[in-house]
Amino acid sequence: MSTTRRPLRAVVARVLLPAALGLGALSVPAAAVGAATSRSGAPGRLAGSCPTLATARQRVEQGLATRSADLSRLDAVVAGAASLTSSDRATLETDLSDEANGLAALDQAAATAATCPALAEDRRAMVVTFRVGSVLAPEVDLVVLADRLSSLVATLTAYEPALRSAVAGAGGPGGAEALLADYEDRVRVAAGDLSGLTATLLAQTPAGYPANRAVFTQALAAEKAARRQVRAATADGHRLLAGPAPATTTTSG
């Protein structure tokens, strides 16, 4: 009779490499918090003394066009985010649609405004009510990244029983038990970093700005921390994979 101990490296390769590949293109969104908030400024007054109605209208229309372009980018981000949960996707799509409808209505109002004061009010509404760059953009980018990280954490968590069995029954490189313990601990910490994060992000509104900038900053820090834990857990799996394969024992009878 012949018996062969199943190599630990084969088990780790099968269960960890798919999760590791999911990290290949992972990056913190550039729009989140920093770049996205730079365009939002205080409402202020309509620039200049309104020398002509056409000039004042053009300034408002330029601001609306910038926000519409940002919305188009965000629509594409949501549409292409495979890891978004169905509920988060539905919420973001509704938010983006509402924002687009509001901007369209404001564009019509600006097009028919007959005075500079009326256009000044339209500009104030555009900046205060439609904070695409300062609220909606970081909200979308951070929710997408949180859901992607959560999906990876769920994948790594689901593989823990198989890895425990492999370490216990198949042998492995020296320190395999410690590597597995570190893997499990890092996955647990990452899950904690992400807990409740999307609900907090989706609750942010334009009225909460600028105070909610702190929410986005903290969320970004939590996601960076979770990403570090996920990568470290995957590295533990790679170290298990790189260890010497257990010997094959053959018994004749």
C-alpha atoms as a PDB file:
ATOM      1  CA  MET A   1       0.000   0.000   0.000  1.00  0.00           C
ATOM      2  CA  SER A   2       1.259   3.525  -0.856  1.00  0.00           C
ATOM      3  CA  THR A   3       0.378   6.682   1.050  1.00  0.00           C
ATOM      4  CA  THR A   4       1.338  10.203   0.028  1.00  0.00           C
ATOM      5  CA  ARG A   5       1.135  13.196   2.320  1.00  0.00           C
ATOM      6  CA  ARG A   6      -0.490  16.066   0.468  1.00  0.00           C
ATOM      7  CA  PRO A   7       2.061  18.917   0.141  1.00  0.00           C
ATOM      8  CA  LEU A   8       1.087  22.054   2.035  1.00  0.00           C
ATOM      9  CA  ARG A   9       2.393  24.217  -0.800  1.00  0.00           C
ATOM     10  CA  ALA A  10      -0.228  22.769  -3.174  1.00  0.00           C
ATOM     11  CA  VAL A  11      -3.032  23.644  -0.776  1.00  0.00           C
ATOM     12  CA  VAL A  12      -1.732  27.171  -0.207  1.00  0.00           C
ATOM     13  CA  ALA A  13      -1.269  27.748  -3.933  1.00  0.00           C
ATOM     14  CA  ARG A  14      -4.819  26.666  -4.639  1.00  0.00           C
ATOM     15  CA  VAL A  15      -6.499  28.770  -1.980  1.00  0.00           C
ATOM     16  CA  LEU A  16      -4.271  31.836  -1.649  1.00  0.00           C
ATOM     17  CA  LEU A  17      -3.086  32.750  -5.094  1.00  0.00           C
ATOM     18  CA  PRO A  18      -6.540  33.816  -6.350  1.00  0.00           C
ATOM     19  CA  ALA A  19      -6.849  36.216  -3.413  1.00  0.00           C
ATOM     20  CA  ALA A  20      -3.320  37.508  -3.925  1.00  0.00           C
ATOM     21  CA  LEU A  21      -4.019  38.242  -7.566  1.00  0.00           C
ATOM     22  CA  GLY A  22      -6.908  40.408  -6.452  1.00  0.00           C
ATOM     23  CA  LEU A  23      -4.389  42.810  -4.948  1.00  0.00           C
ATOM     24  CA  GLY A  24      -2.519  43.418  -8.176  1.00  0.00           C
ATOM     25  CA  ALA A  25      -4.319  46.574  -9.263  1.00  0.00           C
ATOM     26  CA  LEU A  26      -5.406  47.741  -5.834  1.00  0.00           C
ATOM     27  CA  SER A  27      -4.673  51.396  -5.177  1.00  0.00           C
ATOM     28  CA  VAL A  28      -5.978  54.185  -2.984  1.00  0.00           C
ATOM     29  CA  PRO A  29      -8.200  56.470  -5.090  1.00  0.00           C
ATOM     30  CA  ALA A  30      -6.481  59.728  -5.939  1.00  0.00           C
ATOM     31  CA  ALA A  31      -9.742  61.638  -5.790  1.00  0.00           C
ATOM     32  CA  ALA A  32     -10.464  60.582  -2.237  1.00  0.00           C
ATOM     33  CA  VAL A  33     -10.198  63.442   0.204  1.00  0.00           C
ATOM     34  CA  GLY A  34      -7.300  65.342  -1.352  1.00  0.00           C
ATOM     35  CA  ALA A  35      -7.675  66.049  -5.043  1.00  0.00           C
ATOM     36  CA  ALA A  36     -11.448  65.829  -4.994  1.00  0.00           C
ATOM     37  CA  THR A  37     -11.909  68.458  -2.321  1.00  0.00           C
ATOM     38  CA  SER A  38      -9.699  71.059  -3.939  1.00  0.00           C
ATOM     39  CA  ARG A  39     -12.360  72.330  -6.340  1.00  0.00           C
ATOM     40  CA  SER A  40     -15.125  72.917  -3.841  1.00  0.00           C
ATOM     41  CA  GLY A  41     -14.222  76.269  -2.226  1.00  0.00           C
ATOM     42  CA  ALA A  42     -16.558  78.550  -0.319  1.00  0.00           C
ATOM     43  CA  PRO A  43     -19.665  79.832  -2.109  1.00  0.00           C
ATOM     44  CA  GLY A  44     -18.455  83.412  -2.075  1.00  0.00           C
ATOM     45  CA  ARG A  45     -19.912  85.955  -4.455  1.00  0.00           C
ATOM     46  CA  LEU A  46     -20.286  85.854  -8.176  1.00  0.00           C
ATOM     47  CA  ALA A  47     -16.795  86.809  -9.388  1.00  0.00           C
ATOM     48  CA  GLY A  48     -16.421  90.432 -10.410  1.00  0.00           C
ATOM     49  CA  SER A  49     -19.192  92.976 -10.533  1.00  0.00           C
ATOM     50  CA  CYS A  50     -21.185  91.217 -13.244  1.00  0.00           C
ATOM     51  CA  PRO A  51     -20.135  93.467 -16.140  1.00  0.00           C
ATOM     52  CA  THR A  52     -22.514  91.585 -18.425  1.00  0.00           C
ATOM     53  CA  LEU A  53     -25.241  89.026 -17.855  1.00  0.00           C
ATOM     54  CA  ALA A  54     -23.644  86.747 -20.438  1.00  0.00           C
ATOM     55  CA  THR A  55     -20.334  86.719 -18.570  1.00  0.00           C
ATOM     56  CA  ALA A  56     -22.027  85.921 -15.276  1.00  0.00           C
ATOM     57  CA  ARG A  57     -24.016  83.100 -16.891  1.00  0.00           C
ATOM     58  CA  GLN A  58     -20.883  81.682 -18.474  1.00  0.00           C
ATOM     59  CA  ARG A  59     -19.174  81.436 -15.088  1.00  0.00           C
ATOM     60  CA  VAL A  60     -22.085  79.448 -13.663  1.00  0.00           C
ATOM     61  CA  GLU A  61     -22.266  77.202 -16.704  1.00  0.00           C
ATOM     62  CA  GLN A  62     -18.550  76.444 -16.460  1.00  0.00           C
ATOM     63  CA  GLY A  63     -18.982  75.329 -12.860  1.00  0.00           C
ATOM     64  CA  LEU A  64     -21.920  73.126 -13.822  1.00  0.00           C
ATOM     65  CA  ALA A  65     -19.950  71.584 -16.680  1.00  0.00           C
ATOM     66  CA  THR A  66     -17.082  70.718 -14.331  1.00  0.00           C
ATOM     67  CA  ARG A  67     -19.467  68.989 -11.938  1.00  0.00           C
ATOM     68  CA  SER A  68     -21.185  67.137 -14.763  1.00  0.00           C
ATOM     69  CA  ALA A  69     -17.812  65.841 -15.967  1.00  0.00           C
ATOM     70  CA  ASP A  70     -17.030  64.659 -12.444  1.00  0.00           C
ATOM     71  CA  LEU A  71     -20.380  62.856 -12.314  1.00  0.00           C
ATOM     72  CA  SER A  72     -19.594  61.075 -15.575  1.00  0.00           C
ATOM     73  CA  ARG A  73     -16.327  59.809 -14.078  1.00  0.00           C
ATOM     74  CA  LEU A  74     -18.107  58.643 -10.953  1.00  0.00           C
ATOM     75  CA  ASP A  75     -20.781  56.866 -13.008  1.00  0.00           C
ATOM     76  CA  ALA A  76     -17.995  54.967 -14.775  1.00  0.00           C
ATOM     77  CA  VAL A  77     -16.320  54.099 -11.456  1.00  0.00           C
ATOM     78  CA  VAL A  78     -19.540  52.635 -10.051  1.00  0.00           C
ATOM     79  CA  ALA A  79     -20.366  50.788 -13.262  1.00  0.00           C
ATOM     80  CA  GLY A  80     -16.920  49.184 -13.375  1.00  0.00           C
ATOM     81  CA  ALA A  81     -16.670  48.231  -9.696  1.00  0.00           C
ATOM     82  CA  ALA A  82     -17.298  44.496  -9.665  1.00  0.00           C
ATOM     83  CA  SER A  83     -16.859  44.170  -5.885  1.00  0.00           C
ATOM     84  CA  LEU A  84     -19.588  46.649  -4.932  1.00  0.00           C
ATOM     85  CA  THR A  85     -22.372  45.049  -2.922  1.00  0.00           C
ATOM     86  CA  SER A  86     -25.819  45.280  -4.480  1.00  0.00           C
ATOM     87  CA  SER A  87     -27.067  47.632  -1.762  1.00  0.00           C
ATOM     88  CA  ASP A  88     -24.047  49.946  -1.968  1.00  0.00           C
ATOM     89  CA  ARG A  89     -24.283  50.010  -5.758  1.00  0.00           C
ATOM     90  CA  ALA A  90     -27.975  50.905  -5.618  1.00  0.00           C
ATOM     91  CA  THR A  91     -27.347  53.707  -3.113  1.00  0.00           C
ATOM     92  CA  LEU A  92     -24.506  55.213  -5.127  1.00  0.00           C
ATOM     93  CA  GLU A  93     -26.442  54.993  -8.381  1.00  0.00           C
ATOM     94  CA  THR A  94     -29.381  56.778  -6.759  1.00  0.00           C
ATOM     95  CA  ASP A  95     -27.121  59.480  -5.341  1.00  0.00           C
ATOM     96  CA  LEU A  96     -25.462  60.043  -8.712  1.00  0.00           C
ATOM     97  CA  SER A  97     -28.781  60.133 -10.534  1.00  0.00           C
ATOM     98  CA  ASP A  98     -30.247  62.621  -8.061  1.00  0.00           C
ATOM     99  CA  GLU A  99     -27.163  64.803  -8.397  1.00  0.00           C
ATOM    100  CA  ALA A 100     -27.356  64.743 -12.189  1.00  0.00           C
ATOM    101  CA  ASN A 101     -31.044  65.661 -12.147  1.00  0.00           C
ATOM    102  CA  GLY A 102     -30.393  68.518  -9.740  1.00  0.00           C
ATOM    103  CA  LEU A 103     -27.574  69.894 -11.860  1.00  0.00           C
ATOM    104  CA  ALA A 104     -29.745  69.696 -14.980  1.00  0.00           C
ATOM    105  CA  ALA A 105     -32.498  71.677 -13.257  1.00  0.00           C
ATOM    106  CA  LEU A 106     -29.996  74.266 -12.057  1.00  0.00           C
ATOM    107  CA  ASP A 107     -28.573  74.536 -15.558  1.00  0.00           C
ATOM    108  CA  GLN A 108     -32.021  75.362 -16.884  1.00  0.00           C
ATOM    109  CA  ALA A 109     -32.504  77.968 -14.158  1.00  0.00           C
ATOM    110  CA  ALA A 110     -29.171  79.600 -14.976  1.00  0.00           C
ATOM    111  CA  ALA A 111     -29.990  79.639 -18.670  1.00  0.00           C
ATOM    112  CA  THR A 112     -33.157  81.668 -18.050  1.00  0.00           C
ATOM    113  CA  ALA A 113     -31.960  83.890 -15.184  1.00  0.00           C
ATOM    114  CA  ALA A 114     -32.545  87.541 -16.087  1.00  0.00           C
ATOM    115  CA  THR A 115     -30.305  89.288 -13.540  1.00  0.00           C
ATOM    116  CA  CYS A 116     -26.873  88.978 -11.998  1.00  0.00           C
ATOM    117  CA  PRO A 117     -28.298  88.528  -8.472  1.00  0.00           C
ATOM    118  CA  ALA A 118     -30.353  85.598  -9.742  1.00  0.00           C
ATOM    119  CA  LEU A 119     -27.251  84.019 -11.244  1.00  0.00           C
ATOM    120  CA  ALA A 120     -25.370  84.636  -7.997  1.00  0.00           C
ATOM    121  CA  GLU A 121     -28.011  82.603  -6.186  1.00  0.00           C
ATOM    122  CA  ASP A 122     -27.704  79.859  -8.785  1.00  0.00           C
ATOM    123  CA  ARG A 123     -23.945  79.788  -8.211  1.00  0.00           C
ATOM    124  CA  ARG A 124     -24.404  79.583  -4.463  1.00  0.00           C
ATOM    125  CA  ALA A 125     -26.816  76.674  -4.897  1.00  0.00           C
ATOM    126  CA  MET A 126     -24.355  74.960  -7.229  1.00  0.00           C
ATOM    127  CA  VAL A 127     -21.489  75.162  -4.741  1.00  0.00           C
ATOM    128  CA  VAL A 128     -23.390  74.508  -1.505  1.00  0.00           C
ATOM    129  CA  THR A 129     -26.001  71.982  -2.637  1.00  0.00           C
ATOM    130  CA  PHE A 130     -24.040  70.053  -5.272  1.00  0.00           C
ATOM    131  CA  ARG A 131     -20.697  69.237  -3.659  1.00  0.00           C
ATOM    132  CA  VAL A 132     -19.647  66.714  -6.258  1.00  0.00           C
ATOM    133  CA  GLY A 133     -15.913  67.125  -5.733  1.00  0.00           C
ATOM    134  CA  SER A 134     -15.831  67.550  -1.982  1.00  0.00           C
ATOM    135  CA  VAL A 135     -18.433  64.989  -0.862  1.00  0.00           C
ATOM    136  CA  LEU A 136     -19.745  62.720  -3.599  1.00  0.00           C
ATOM    137  CA  ALA A 137     -16.389  61.926  -5.241  1.00  0.00           C
ATOM    138  CA  PRO A 138     -14.579  60.781  -2.072  1.00  0.00           C
ATOM    139  CA  GLU A 139     -17.743  58.960  -0.967  1.00  0.00           C
ATOM    140  CA  VAL A 140     -17.880  56.950  -4.196  1.00  0.00           C
ATOM    141  CA  ASP A 141     -14.157  56.225  -4.373  1.00  0.00           C
ATOM    142  CA  LEU A 142     -13.887  55.179  -0.736  1.00  0.00           C
ATOM    143  CA  VAL A 143     -17.012  52.983  -0.789  1.00  0.00           C
ATOM    144  CA  VAL A 144     -15.739  51.199  -3.908  1.00  0.00           C
ATOM    145  CA  LEU A 145     -12.362  50.576  -2.279  1.00  0.00           C
ATOM    146  CA  ALA A 146     -13.945  49.471   1.022  1.00  0.00           C
ATOM    147  CA  ASP A 147     -16.139  46.922  -0.748  1.00  0.00           C
ATOM    148  CA  ARG A 148     -13.193  45.607  -2.741  1.00  0.00           C
ATOM    149  CA  LEU A 149     -11.112  45.160   0.394  1.00  0.00           C
ATOM    150  CA  SER A 150     -14.064  43.570   2.198  1.00  0.00           C
ATOM    151  CA  SER A 151     -14.423  41.082  -0.643  1.00  0.00           C
ATOM    152  CA  LEU A 152     -10.754  40.133  -0.341  1.00  0.00           C
ATOM    153  CA  VAL A 153     -11.058  39.791   3.436  1.00  0.00           C
ATOM    154  CA  ALA A 154     -14.078  37.525   3.010  1.00  0.00           C
ATOM    155  CA  THR A 155     -12.120  35.370   0.563  1.00  0.00           C
ATOM    156  CA  LEU A 156      -9.157  35.060   2.906  1.00  0.00           C
ATOM    157  CA  THR A 157     -11.459  34.278   5.841  1.00  0.00           C
ATOM    158  CA  ALA A 158     -13.214  31.536   3.887  1.00  0.00           C
ATOM    159  CA  TYR A 159      -9.866  29.820   3.261  1.00  0.00           C
ATOM    160  CA  GLU A 160      -8.864  29.629   6.912  1.00  0.00           C
ATOM    161  CA  PRO A 161     -10.392  26.177   7.642  1.00  0.00           C
ATOM    162  CA  ALA A 162      -8.613  24.633   4.647  1.00  0.00           C
ATOM    163  CA  LEU A 163      -5.328  26.189   5.696  1.00  0.00           C
ATOM    164  CA  ARG A 164      -5.739  24.949   9.271  1.00  0.00           C
ATOM    165  CA  SER A 165      -6.371  21.433   8.010  1.00  0.00           C
ATOM    166  CA  ALA A 166      -3.407  21.644   5.664  1.00  0.00           C
ATOM    167  CA  VAL A 167      -1.021  22.795   8.390  1.00  0.00           C
ATOM    168  CA  ALA A 168      -2.287  20.151  10.826  1.00  0.00           C
ATOM    169  CA  GLY A 169      -2.387  17.241   8.419  1.00  0.00           C
ATOM    170  CA  ALA A 170       0.150  17.879   5.696  1.00  0.00           C
ATOM    171  CA  GLY A 171       3.101  19.366   7.464  1.00  0.00           C
ATOM    172  CA  GLY A 172       4.942  22.324   6.049  1.00  0.00           C
ATOM    173  CA  PRO A 173       7.873  24.671   6.445  1.00  0.00           C
ATOM    174  CA  GLY A 174       9.248  25.451   9.854  1.00  0.00           C
ATOM    175  CA  GLY A 175       7.027  27.887  11.704  1.00  0.00           C
ATOM    176  CA  ALA A 176       3.950  27.042   9.636  1.00  0.00           C
ATOM    177  CA  GLU A 177       1.713  27.241  12.694  1.00  0.00           C
ATOM    178  CA  ALA A 178       3.013  30.709  13.544  1.00  0.00           C
ATOM    179  CA  LEU A 179       2.534  31.877   9.976  1.00  0.00           C
ATOM    180  CA  LEU A 180      -1.024  30.602   9.979  1.00  0.00           C
ATOM    181  CA  ALA A 181      -1.719  32.338  13.296  1.00  0.00           C
ATOM    182  CA  ASP A 182      -0.359  35.596  11.901  1.00  0.00           C
ATOM    183  CA  TYR A 183      -2.460  35.143   8.759  1.00  0.00           C
ATOM    184  CA  GLU A 184      -5.631  34.706  10.802  1.00  0.00           C
ATOM    185  CA  ASP A 185      -4.822  37.635  13.071  1.00  0.00           C
ATOM    186  CA  ARG A 186      -4.184  39.985  10.164  1.00  0.00           C
ATOM    187  CA  VAL A 187      -7.395  38.982   8.417  1.00  0.00           C
ATOM    188  CA  ARG A 188      -9.302  39.629  11.649  1.00  0.00           C
ATOM    189  CA  VAL A 189      -7.716  43.075  12.078  1.00  0.00           C
ATOM    190  CA  ALA A 190      -8.497  44.003   8.468  1.00  0.00           C
ATOM    191  CA  ALA A 191     -12.123  43.025   8.944  1.00  0.00           C
ATOM    192  CA  GLY A 192     -12.260  45.252  12.011  1.00  0.00           C
ATOM    193  CA  ASP A 193     -10.753  48.183  10.117  1.00  0.00           C
ATOM    194  CA  LEU A 194     -13.528  47.918   7.523  1.00  0.00           C
ATOM    195  CA  SER A 195     -16.435  47.219   9.861  1.00  0.00           C
ATOM    196  CA  GLY A 196     -19.280  49.707   9.378  1.00  0.00           C
ATOM    197  CA  LEU A 197     -17.198  51.848   7.065  1.00  0.00           C
ATOM    198  CA  THR A 198     -19.480  51.915   4.020  1.00  0.00           C
ATOM    199  CA  ALA A 199     -22.546  52.788   6.095  1.00  0.00           C
ATOM    200  CA  THR A 200     -20.696  55.757   7.570  1.00  0.00           C
ATOM    201  CA  LEU A 201     -19.506  56.931   4.155  1.00  0.00           C
ATOM    202  CA  LEU A 202     -22.911  56.625   2.503  1.00  0.00           C
ATOM    203  CA  ALA A 203     -24.481  58.701   5.271  1.00  0.00           C
ATOM    204  CA  GLN A 204     -22.436  61.793   4.351  1.00  0.00           C
ATOM    205  CA  THR A 205     -24.274  64.723   2.772  1.00  0.00           C
ATOM    206  CA  PRO A 206     -23.314  68.107   1.271  1.00  0.00           C
ATOM    207  CA  ALA A 207     -24.799  69.799   4.343  1.00  0.00           C
ATOM    208  CA  GLY A 208     -22.174  68.069   6.467  1.00  0.00           C
ATOM    209  CA  TYR A 209     -19.272  69.743   4.672  1.00  0.00           C
ATOM    210  CA  PRO A 210     -16.639  70.766   5.684  1.00  0.00           C
ATOM    211  CA  ALA A 211     -16.941  68.846   8.957  1.00  0.00           C
ATOM    212  CA  ASN A 212     -17.275  65.518   7.146  1.00  0.00           C
ATOM    213  CA  ARG A 213     -13.876  65.908   5.546  1.00  0.00           C
ATOM    214  CA  ALA A 214     -12.627  64.261   8.746  1.00  0.00           C
ATOM    215  CA  VAL A 215     -14.887  61.286   8.022  1.00  0.00           C
ATOM    216  CA  PHE A 216     -13.298  60.799   4.618  1.00  0.00           C
ATOM    217  CA  THR A 217      -9.786  61.245   5.979  1.00  0.00           C
ATOM    218  CA  GLN A 218     -10.395  58.656   8.703  1.00  0.00           C
ATOM    219  CA  ALA A 219     -11.987  56.246   6.240  1.00  0.00           C
ATOM    220  CA  LEU A 220      -9.005  56.533   3.926  1.00  0.00           C
ATOM    221  CA  ALA A 221      -6.639  55.791   6.827  1.00  0.00           C
ATOM    222  CA  ALA A 222      -8.719  52.743   7.810  1.00  0.00           C
ATOM    223  CA  GLU A 223      -8.664  51.425   4.256  1.00  0.00           C
ATOM    224  CA  LYS A 224      -4.914  51.877   3.982  1.00  0.00           C
ATOM    225  CA  ALA A 225      -4.511  49.964   7.248  1.00  0.00           C
ATOM    226  CA  ALA A 226      -6.796  47.169   6.037  1.00  0.00           C
ATOM    227  CA  ARG A 227      -4.887  46.956   2.764  1.00  0.00           C
ATOM    228  CA  ARG A 228      -1.609  46.546   4.661  1.00  0.00           C
ATOM    229  CA  GLN A 229      -3.127  43.708   6.704  1.00  0.00           C
ATOM    230  CA  VAL A 230      -4.513  41.954   3.631  1.00  0.00           C
ATOM    231  CA  ARG A 231      -1.159  42.152   1.871  1.00  0.00           C
ATOM    232  CA  ALA A 232       0.661  40.892   4.952  1.00  0.00           C
ATOM    233  CA  ALA A 233      -1.742  37.958   5.279  1.00  0.00           C
ATOM    234  CA  THR A 234      -1.166  37.089   1.636  1.00  0.00           C
ATOM    235  CA  ALA A 235       2.582  37.310   2.225  1.00  0.00           C
ATOM    236  CA  ASP A 236       2.199  34.778   5.047  1.00  0.00           C
ATOM    237  CA  GLY A 237       0.553  32.465   2.556  1.00  0.00           C
ATOM    238  CA  HIS A 238       3.383  32.975   0.097  1.00  0.00           C
ATOM    239  CA  ARG A 239       5.914  32.082   2.794  1.00  0.00           C
ATOM    240  CA  LEU A 240       4.007  28.894   3.461  1.00  0.00           C
ATOM    241  CA  LEU A 241       3.985  28.223  -0.252  1.00  0.00           C
ATOM    242  CA  ALA A 242       7.749  28.764  -0.533  1.00  0.00           C
ATOM    243  CA  GLY A 243       8.610  26.309   2.237  1.00  0.00           C
ATOM    244  CA  PRO A 244      10.023  22.839   1.553  1.00  0.00           C
ATOM    245  CA  ALA A 245       7.461  20.298   0.481  1.00  0.00           C
ATOM    246  CA  PRO A 246       6.892  17.439   2.941  1.00  0.00           C
ATOM    247  CA  ALA A 247       8.544  14.177   1.989  1.00  0.00           C
ATOM    248  CA  THR A 248       6.563  11.452   0.257  1.00  0.00           C
ATOM    249  CA  THR A 249       6.461   8.181   2.158  1.00  0.00           C
ATOM    250  CA  THR A 250       5.871   4.903   0.350  1.00  0.00           C
ATOM    251  CA  THR A 251       5.078   1.696   2.196  1.00  0.00           C
ATOM    252  CA  SER A 252       4.986  -1.660   0.424  1.00  0.00           C
ATOM    253  CA  GLY A 253       2.917  -4.455   1.732  1.00  0.00           C
END
